[in-house]
């Protein structure tokens, strides 16, 4: 795994802050959703994944996150449950600007829908911003 890429994530933080200053937090969140969707879709499509395949989800998400230096763990707990943990906070400077769940939603919803499908959802059980050792999203099929 590569070292955490602080300049990469810092650029995203700066973009969010500037956009938020100009247009408000809600507009910045919408912009982030579009920005992440565009970049992630391109990266994910290049892998040749099969939508709905849990093993592909784990491989693709982990490889992409590690390629930008974000330490994560992703594992299947059951055929309809995945545990996705972030072991470093990619956006610590946004903590005072935006609610954690709103920010997380800008990327996690896209990852789940794009790679797994519309019948998959998530629940955050722990978050670094609350002092937890990692942010944990439990992804499940309804």
N, C-alpha and C. Protein backbone atom coordinates (compact mmCIF):
# COMPACT_ATOMS: atom_id res chain seq x y z
N UNK A 1 0.83 -1.18 0.00
CA UNK A 1 0.00 0.00 0.00
C UNK A 1 0.88 1.25 0.00
N UNK A 2 0.45 2.22 -0.75
CA UNK A 2 1.17 3.48 -0.80
C UNK A 2 0.89 4.30 0.46
N UNK A 3 1.79 5.23 0.73
CA UNK A 3 1.62 6.13 1.86
C UNK A 3 0.41 7.04 1.60
N UNK A 4 -0.28 7.43 2.68
CA UNK A 4 -1.44 8.32 2.57
C UNK A 4 -1.07 9.55 1.74
N UNK A 5 -1.91 9.85 0.78
CA UNK A 5 -1.65 10.92 -0.17
C UNK A 5 -2.32 12.22 0.30
N UNK A 6 -1.71 12.88 1.27
CA UNK A 6 -2.29 14.10 1.85
C UNK A 6 -2.51 15.20 0.80
N UNK A 7 -1.59 15.43 -0.15
CA UNK A 7 -1.86 16.46 -1.16
C UNK A 7 -3.10 16.17 -2.01
N UNK A 8 -3.30 14.91 -2.37
CA UNK A 8 -4.48 14.52 -3.17
C UNK A 8 -5.76 14.87 -2.41
N UNK A 9 -5.86 14.41 -1.16
CA UNK A 9 -7.06 14.66 -0.38
C UNK A 9 -7.17 16.12 0.04
N UNK A 10 -6.04 16.77 0.26
CA UNK A 10 -6.05 18.20 0.58
C UNK A 10 -6.63 19.03 -0.55
N UNK A 11 -6.34 18.65 -1.78
CA UNK A 11 -6.91 19.36 -2.93
C UNK A 11 -8.43 19.25 -2.91
N UNK A 12 -8.95 18.05 -2.65
CA UNK A 12 -10.41 17.87 -2.56
C UNK A 12 -10.99 18.70 -1.41
N UNK A 13 -10.29 18.74 -0.28
CA UNK A 13 -10.76 19.57 0.83
C UNK A 13 -10.83 21.04 0.41
N UNK A 14 -9.78 21.52 -0.25
CA UNK A 14 -9.76 22.92 -0.69
C UNK A 14 -10.87 23.21 -1.68
N UNK A 15 -11.11 22.29 -2.59
CA UNK A 15 -12.20 22.47 -3.56
C UNK A 15 -13.53 22.58 -2.82
N UNK A 16 -13.75 21.69 -1.85
CA UNK A 16 -15.00 21.72 -1.10
C UNK A 16 -15.15 23.04 -0.35
N UNK A 17 -14.11 23.47 0.32
CA UNK A 17 -14.16 24.71 1.11
C UNK A 17 -14.44 25.91 0.21
N UNK A 18 -13.73 26.02 -0.89
CA UNK A 18 -13.94 27.16 -1.80
C UNK A 18 -15.33 27.15 -2.41
N UNK A 19 -15.78 25.98 -2.85
CA UNK A 19 -17.10 25.86 -3.45
C UNK A 19 -18.17 26.19 -2.41
N UNK A 20 -17.96 25.70 -1.19
CA UNK A 20 -18.89 25.97 -0.10
C UNK A 20 -18.95 27.46 0.22
N UNK A 21 -17.79 28.12 0.23
CA UNK A 21 -17.76 29.56 0.48
C UNK A 21 -18.54 30.34 -0.58
N UNK A 22 -18.45 29.88 -1.81
CA UNK A 22 -19.13 30.57 -2.92
C UNK A 22 -20.61 30.24 -3.02
N UNK A 23 -20.97 28.97 -2.77
CA UNK A 23 -22.33 28.51 -3.08
C UNK A 23 -23.07 27.87 -1.90
N UNK A 24 -22.43 27.70 -0.78
CA UNK A 24 -23.06 27.07 0.38
C UNK A 24 -22.72 25.59 0.47
N UNK A 25 -22.88 25.04 1.65
CA UNK A 25 -22.51 23.65 1.93
C UNK A 25 -23.34 22.68 1.09
N UNK A 26 -24.64 22.91 0.99
CA UNK A 26 -25.48 21.97 0.24
C UNK A 26 -25.07 21.89 -1.23
N UNK A 27 -24.77 23.01 -1.83
CA UNK A 27 -24.32 23.01 -3.22
C UNK A 27 -22.95 22.34 -3.34
N UNK A 28 -22.09 22.57 -2.35
CA UNK A 28 -20.76 21.92 -2.36
C UNK A 28 -20.91 20.40 -2.27
N UNK A 29 -21.85 19.94 -1.46
CA UNK A 29 -22.09 18.49 -1.35
C UNK A 29 -22.58 17.92 -2.68
N UNK A 30 -23.47 18.63 -3.34
CA UNK A 30 -23.96 18.17 -4.64
C UNK A 30 -22.82 18.15 -5.67
N UNK A 31 -21.99 19.16 -5.62
CA UNK A 31 -20.84 19.21 -6.52
C UNK A 31 -19.89 18.05 -6.26
N UNK A 32 -19.63 17.76 -4.99
CA UNK A 32 -18.75 16.64 -4.61
C UNK A 32 -19.31 15.32 -5.12
N UNK A 33 -20.61 15.12 -4.99
CA UNK A 33 -21.23 13.88 -5.50
C UNK A 33 -20.92 13.71 -6.98
N UNK A 34 -21.09 14.77 -7.74
CA UNK A 34 -20.84 14.71 -9.19
C UNK A 34 -19.36 14.50 -9.48
N UNK A 35 -18.52 15.17 -8.75
CA UNK A 35 -17.07 15.05 -8.93
C UNK A 35 -16.60 13.63 -8.63
N UNK A 36 -17.04 13.07 -7.51
CA UNK A 36 -16.67 11.69 -7.16
C UNK A 36 -17.24 10.69 -8.16
N UNK A 37 -18.48 10.88 -8.55
CA UNK A 37 -19.10 9.95 -9.50
C UNK A 37 -18.32 9.93 -10.81
N UNK A 38 -17.93 11.06 -11.31
CA UNK A 38 -17.18 11.12 -12.57
C UNK A 38 -15.83 10.41 -12.45
N UNK A 39 -15.09 10.72 -11.41
CA UNK A 39 -13.77 10.13 -11.24
C UNK A 39 -13.81 8.65 -10.91
N UNK A 40 -14.71 8.28 -10.03
CA UNK A 40 -14.80 6.87 -9.63
C UNK A 40 -15.34 6.00 -10.76
N UNK A 41 -16.32 6.50 -11.49
CA UNK A 41 -16.87 5.71 -12.60
C UNK A 41 -15.77 5.37 -13.60
N UNK A 42 -14.98 6.35 -13.93
CA UNK A 42 -13.90 6.13 -14.90
C UNK A 42 -12.91 5.08 -14.37
N UNK A 43 -12.54 5.22 -13.12
CA UNK A 43 -11.59 4.27 -12.51
C UNK A 43 -12.20 2.87 -12.42
N UNK A 44 -13.44 2.78 -12.01
CA UNK A 44 -14.09 1.48 -11.84
C UNK A 44 -14.33 0.79 -13.18
N UNK A 45 -14.77 1.54 -14.18
CA UNK A 45 -15.03 0.94 -15.49
C UNK A 45 -13.77 0.32 -16.09
N UNK A 46 -12.63 0.92 -15.80
CA UNK A 46 -11.36 0.42 -16.33
C UNK A 46 -10.99 -0.95 -15.75
N UNK A 47 -11.64 -1.36 -14.68
CA UNK A 47 -11.30 -2.64 -14.04
C UNK A 47 -12.04 -3.83 -14.65
N UNK A 48 -13.13 -3.58 -15.37
CA UNK A 48 -13.90 -4.67 -15.94
C UNK A 48 -14.72 -5.43 -14.90
N UNK A 49 -15.15 -4.76 -13.84
CA UNK A 49 -15.92 -5.41 -12.78
C UNK A 49 -17.28 -5.90 -13.29
N UNK A 50 -17.86 -6.83 -12.55
CA UNK A 50 -19.22 -7.30 -12.80
C UNK A 50 -20.12 -6.72 -11.73
N UNK A 51 -21.11 -5.93 -12.14
CA UNK A 51 -22.01 -5.30 -11.18
C UNK A 51 -22.72 -6.36 -10.34
N UNK A 52 -22.74 -6.13 -9.04
CA UNK A 52 -23.40 -7.04 -8.13
C UNK A 52 -22.50 -8.13 -7.58
N UNK A 53 -21.30 -8.26 -8.10
CA UNK A 53 -20.37 -9.27 -7.65
C UNK A 53 -19.61 -8.75 -6.42
N UNK A 54 -19.84 -9.35 -5.27
CA UNK A 54 -19.25 -8.87 -4.03
C UNK A 54 -17.73 -8.92 -4.04
N UNK A 55 -17.17 -9.98 -4.61
CA UNK A 55 -15.71 -10.08 -4.70
C UNK A 55 -15.14 -8.96 -5.56
N UNK A 56 -15.84 -8.62 -6.65
CA UNK A 56 -15.37 -7.53 -7.50
C UNK A 56 -15.48 -6.20 -6.77
N UNK A 57 -16.56 -6.02 -6.02
CA UNK A 57 -16.72 -4.79 -5.24
C UNK A 57 -15.51 -4.60 -4.32
N UNK A 58 -15.19 -5.65 -3.58
CA UNK A 58 -14.07 -5.57 -2.64
C UNK A 58 -12.76 -5.27 -3.37
N UNK A 59 -12.49 -5.99 -4.44
CA UNK A 59 -11.25 -5.81 -5.18
C UNK A 59 -11.13 -4.40 -5.75
N UNK A 60 -12.18 -3.95 -6.41
CA UNK A 60 -12.17 -2.66 -7.09
C UNK A 60 -12.06 -1.50 -6.10
N UNK A 61 -12.88 -1.54 -5.05
CA UNK A 61 -12.87 -0.47 -4.06
C UNK A 61 -11.53 -0.41 -3.34
N UNK A 62 -11.05 -1.56 -2.93
CA UNK A 62 -9.78 -1.59 -2.20
C UNK A 62 -8.61 -1.11 -3.07
N UNK A 63 -8.56 -1.60 -4.30
CA UNK A 63 -7.48 -1.17 -5.20
C UNK A 63 -7.52 0.33 -5.45
N UNK A 64 -8.70 0.89 -5.69
CA UNK A 64 -8.81 2.32 -5.96
C UNK A 64 -8.41 3.13 -4.73
N UNK A 65 -8.93 2.76 -3.56
CA UNK A 65 -8.60 3.50 -2.34
C UNK A 65 -7.10 3.43 -2.05
N UNK A 66 -6.53 2.25 -2.20
CA UNK A 66 -5.09 2.11 -1.94
C UNK A 66 -4.26 2.86 -2.98
N UNK A 67 -4.77 2.98 -4.21
CA UNK A 67 -4.02 3.69 -5.25
C UNK A 67 -3.87 5.18 -4.93
N UNK A 68 -4.77 5.71 -4.10
CA UNK A 68 -4.66 7.11 -3.69
C UNK A 68 -4.16 7.21 -2.24
N UNK A 69 -3.64 6.09 -1.72
CA UNK A 69 -3.00 6.09 -0.41
C UNK A 69 -3.96 6.06 0.76
N UNK A 70 -5.19 5.62 0.56
CA UNK A 70 -6.16 5.57 1.64
C UNK A 70 -6.22 4.15 2.20
N UNK A 71 -5.77 3.95 3.43
CA UNK A 71 -5.80 2.59 4.00
C UNK A 71 -7.23 2.19 4.38
N UNK A 72 -7.68 1.08 3.81
CA UNK A 72 -9.03 0.57 4.06
C UNK A 72 -8.97 -0.94 4.24
N UNK A 73 -10.03 -1.46 4.80
CA UNK A 73 -10.25 -2.91 4.78
C UNK A 73 -11.69 -3.12 4.34
N UNK A 74 -11.89 -4.13 3.52
CA UNK A 74 -13.20 -4.44 2.99
C UNK A 74 -13.36 -5.95 3.03
N UNK A 75 -14.44 -6.42 3.65
CA UNK A 75 -14.63 -7.86 3.75
C UNK A 75 -16.10 -8.24 3.71
N UNK A 76 -16.37 -9.39 3.15
CA UNK A 76 -17.71 -9.94 3.11
C UNK A 76 -17.96 -10.62 4.44
N UNK A 77 -19.05 -10.26 5.10
CA UNK A 77 -19.44 -10.91 6.34
C UNK A 77 -20.47 -12.00 6.08
N UNK A 78 -21.36 -11.72 5.16
CA UNK A 78 -22.39 -12.66 4.73
C UNK A 78 -22.65 -12.34 3.26
N UNK A 79 -23.44 -13.12 2.58
CA UNK A 79 -23.70 -12.87 1.16
C UNK A 79 -24.46 -11.58 0.92
N UNK A 80 -24.99 -11.00 1.98
CA UNK A 80 -25.71 -9.74 1.82
C UNK A 80 -25.19 -8.66 2.77
N UNK A 81 -23.92 -8.80 3.19
CA UNK A 81 -23.35 -7.85 4.14
C UNK A 81 -21.84 -7.70 3.94
N UNK A 82 -21.40 -6.46 3.77
CA UNK A 82 -19.98 -6.12 3.58
C UNK A 82 -19.59 -5.10 4.64
N UNK A 83 -18.41 -5.27 5.20
CA UNK A 83 -17.86 -4.31 6.15
C UNK A 83 -16.76 -3.53 5.42
N UNK A 84 -16.90 -2.21 5.39
CA UNK A 84 -15.97 -1.33 4.68
C UNK A 84 -15.44 -0.32 5.69
N UNK A 85 -14.14 -0.41 6.01
CA UNK A 85 -13.54 0.45 7.02
C UNK A 85 -12.46 1.35 6.43
N UNK A 86 -12.52 2.61 6.82
CA UNK A 86 -11.48 3.58 6.48
C UNK A 86 -10.61 3.75 7.72
N UNK A 87 -9.31 3.49 7.57
CA UNK A 87 -8.41 3.54 8.72
C UNK A 87 -7.68 4.87 8.82
N UNK A 88 -8.02 5.79 7.96
CA UNK A 88 -7.49 7.15 8.04
C UNK A 88 -8.58 8.10 7.55
N UNK A 89 -8.61 9.26 8.13
CA UNK A 89 -9.60 10.26 7.74
C UNK A 89 -9.07 11.01 6.52
N UNK A 90 -9.71 10.85 5.35
CA UNK A 90 -9.22 11.55 4.17
C UNK A 90 -9.51 13.05 4.19
N UNK A 91 -10.50 13.48 4.97
CA UNK A 91 -10.91 14.88 4.95
C UNK A 91 -11.02 15.50 6.34
N UNK A 92 -9.95 15.47 7.13
CA UNK A 92 -10.05 15.98 8.51
C UNK A 92 -10.37 17.47 8.59
N UNK A 93 -10.00 18.24 7.58
CA UNK A 93 -10.22 19.69 7.63
C UNK A 93 -11.65 20.10 7.28
N UNK A 94 -12.50 19.12 6.97
CA UNK A 94 -13.90 19.43 6.67
C UNK A 94 -14.80 19.17 7.89
N UNK A 95 -14.22 18.66 8.96
CA UNK A 95 -14.98 18.26 10.13
C UNK A 95 -15.84 19.39 10.70
N UNK A 96 -15.35 20.60 10.67
CA UNK A 96 -16.09 21.73 11.24
C UNK A 96 -17.01 22.41 10.23
N UNK A 97 -16.97 21.95 8.99
CA UNK A 97 -17.71 22.61 7.92
C UNK A 97 -18.96 21.85 7.50
N UNK A 98 -18.89 20.52 7.56
CA UNK A 98 -19.97 19.69 7.03
C UNK A 98 -20.24 18.53 7.98
N UNK A 99 -21.47 18.05 7.98
CA UNK A 99 -21.80 16.88 8.80
C UNK A 99 -21.18 15.64 8.19
N UNK A 100 -20.67 14.76 9.05
CA UNK A 100 -19.94 13.58 8.59
C UNK A 100 -20.77 12.71 7.66
N UNK A 101 -22.02 12.49 7.99
CA UNK A 101 -22.85 11.60 7.17
C UNK A 101 -23.16 12.24 5.81
N UNK A 102 -23.28 13.55 5.78
CA UNK A 102 -23.52 14.22 4.50
C UNK A 102 -22.31 14.09 3.59
N UNK A 103 -21.12 14.26 4.16
CA UNK A 103 -19.91 14.13 3.37
C UNK A 103 -19.71 12.69 2.91
N UNK A 104 -19.89 11.73 3.80
CA UNK A 104 -19.73 10.32 3.44
C UNK A 104 -20.67 9.92 2.31
N UNK A 105 -21.88 10.45 2.37
CA UNK A 105 -22.88 10.12 1.35
C UNK A 105 -22.43 10.53 -0.06
N UNK A 106 -21.55 11.53 -0.16
CA UNK A 106 -21.14 12.01 -1.49
C UNK A 106 -20.35 10.97 -2.27
N UNK A 107 -19.76 10.01 -1.59
CA UNK A 107 -19.00 8.98 -2.31
C UNK A 107 -19.55 7.57 -2.09
N UNK A 108 -20.04 7.27 -0.89
CA UNK A 108 -20.41 5.88 -0.59
C UNK A 108 -21.66 5.44 -1.36
N UNK A 109 -22.65 6.32 -1.49
CA UNK A 109 -23.84 5.95 -2.25
C UNK A 109 -23.49 5.60 -3.69
N UNK A 110 -22.61 6.39 -4.29
CA UNK A 110 -22.22 6.11 -5.67
C UNK A 110 -21.52 4.76 -5.78
N UNK A 111 -20.55 4.53 -4.91
CA UNK A 111 -19.81 3.27 -4.94
C UNK A 111 -20.76 2.07 -4.86
N UNK A 112 -21.69 2.15 -3.94
CA UNK A 112 -22.61 1.03 -3.73
C UNK A 112 -23.52 0.83 -4.94
N UNK A 113 -24.18 1.89 -5.38
CA UNK A 113 -25.10 1.77 -6.52
C UNK A 113 -24.39 1.36 -7.79
N UNK A 114 -23.24 1.95 -8.07
CA UNK A 114 -22.52 1.70 -9.31
C UNK A 114 -21.96 0.28 -9.37
N UNK A 115 -21.40 -0.18 -8.26
CA UNK A 115 -20.74 -1.48 -8.25
C UNK A 115 -21.64 -2.65 -7.83
N UNK A 116 -22.62 -2.37 -6.97
CA UNK A 116 -23.46 -3.45 -6.46
C UNK A 116 -24.89 -3.41 -6.99
N UNK A 117 -25.49 -2.23 -7.03
CA UNK A 117 -26.86 -2.10 -7.51
C UNK A 117 -27.73 -1.32 -6.55
N UNK A 118 -28.94 -1.01 -7.02
CA UNK A 118 -29.86 -0.15 -6.27
C UNK A 118 -30.47 -0.81 -5.04
N UNK A 119 -30.34 -2.11 -4.90
CA UNK A 119 -30.92 -2.80 -3.75
C UNK A 119 -29.96 -2.88 -2.57
N UNK A 120 -28.81 -2.21 -2.69
CA UNK A 120 -27.81 -2.20 -1.62
C UNK A 120 -27.81 -0.83 -0.94
N UNK A 121 -27.59 -0.83 0.39
CA UNK A 121 -27.59 0.37 1.21
C UNK A 121 -26.45 0.27 2.22
N UNK A 122 -26.29 1.30 3.03
CA UNK A 122 -25.25 1.25 4.06
C UNK A 122 -25.71 1.93 5.34
N UNK A 123 -25.02 1.59 6.40
CA UNK A 123 -25.22 2.21 7.70
C UNK A 123 -23.82 2.41 8.30
N UNK A 124 -23.56 3.58 8.82
CA UNK A 124 -22.27 3.87 9.44
C UNK A 124 -22.35 3.53 10.92
N UNK A 125 -21.50 2.61 11.35
CA UNK A 125 -21.53 2.16 12.74
C UNK A 125 -20.50 2.87 13.62
N UNK A 126 -19.40 3.32 13.03
CA UNK A 126 -18.35 4.04 13.75
C UNK A 126 -17.80 5.11 12.82
N UNK A 127 -17.30 6.20 13.43
CA UNK A 127 -16.74 7.26 12.58
C UNK A 127 -15.53 7.89 13.26
N UNK A 128 -14.50 8.10 12.47
CA UNK A 128 -13.27 8.74 12.96
C UNK A 128 -13.56 10.10 13.58
N UNK A 129 -14.50 10.84 13.01
CA UNK A 129 -14.81 12.17 13.53
C UNK A 129 -15.40 12.12 14.94
N UNK A 130 -15.85 10.96 15.37
CA UNK A 130 -16.37 10.78 16.72
C UNK A 130 -15.31 10.22 17.67
N UNK A 131 -14.07 10.09 17.17
CA UNK A 131 -13.00 9.55 17.99
C UNK A 131 -12.78 8.05 17.84
N UNK A 132 -13.54 7.41 16.96
CA UNK A 132 -13.36 5.98 16.71
C UNK A 132 -12.03 5.75 15.99
N UNK A 133 -11.47 4.54 16.08
CA UNK A 133 -10.20 4.26 15.41
C UNK A 133 -10.33 4.18 13.89
N UNK A 134 -11.55 4.05 13.38
CA UNK A 134 -11.79 3.99 11.95
C UNK A 134 -13.24 4.36 11.68
N UNK A 135 -13.54 4.65 10.42
CA UNK A 135 -14.92 4.84 9.99
C UNK A 135 -15.37 3.52 9.38
N UNK A 136 -16.50 3.01 9.85
CA UNK A 136 -17.00 1.73 9.37
C UNK A 136 -18.39 1.89 8.76
N UNK A 137 -18.48 1.47 7.51
CA UNK A 137 -19.77 1.42 6.81
C UNK A 137 -20.14 -0.05 6.66
N UNK A 138 -21.32 -0.41 7.14
CA UNK A 138 -21.85 -1.75 6.95
C UNK A 138 -22.78 -1.66 5.74
N UNK A 139 -22.42 -2.36 4.68
CA UNK A 139 -23.18 -2.34 3.44
C UNK A 139 -24.03 -3.60 3.40
N UNK A 140 -25.30 -3.43 3.11
CA UNK A 140 -26.22 -4.57 3.17
C UNK A 140 -27.23 -4.51 2.02
N UNK A 141 -27.73 -5.67 1.71
CA UNK A 141 -28.74 -5.80 0.66
C UNK A 141 -30.11 -5.84 1.32
N UNK A 142 -31.01 -5.02 0.81
CA UNK A 142 -32.35 -4.98 1.42
C UNK A 142 -33.23 -6.09 0.91
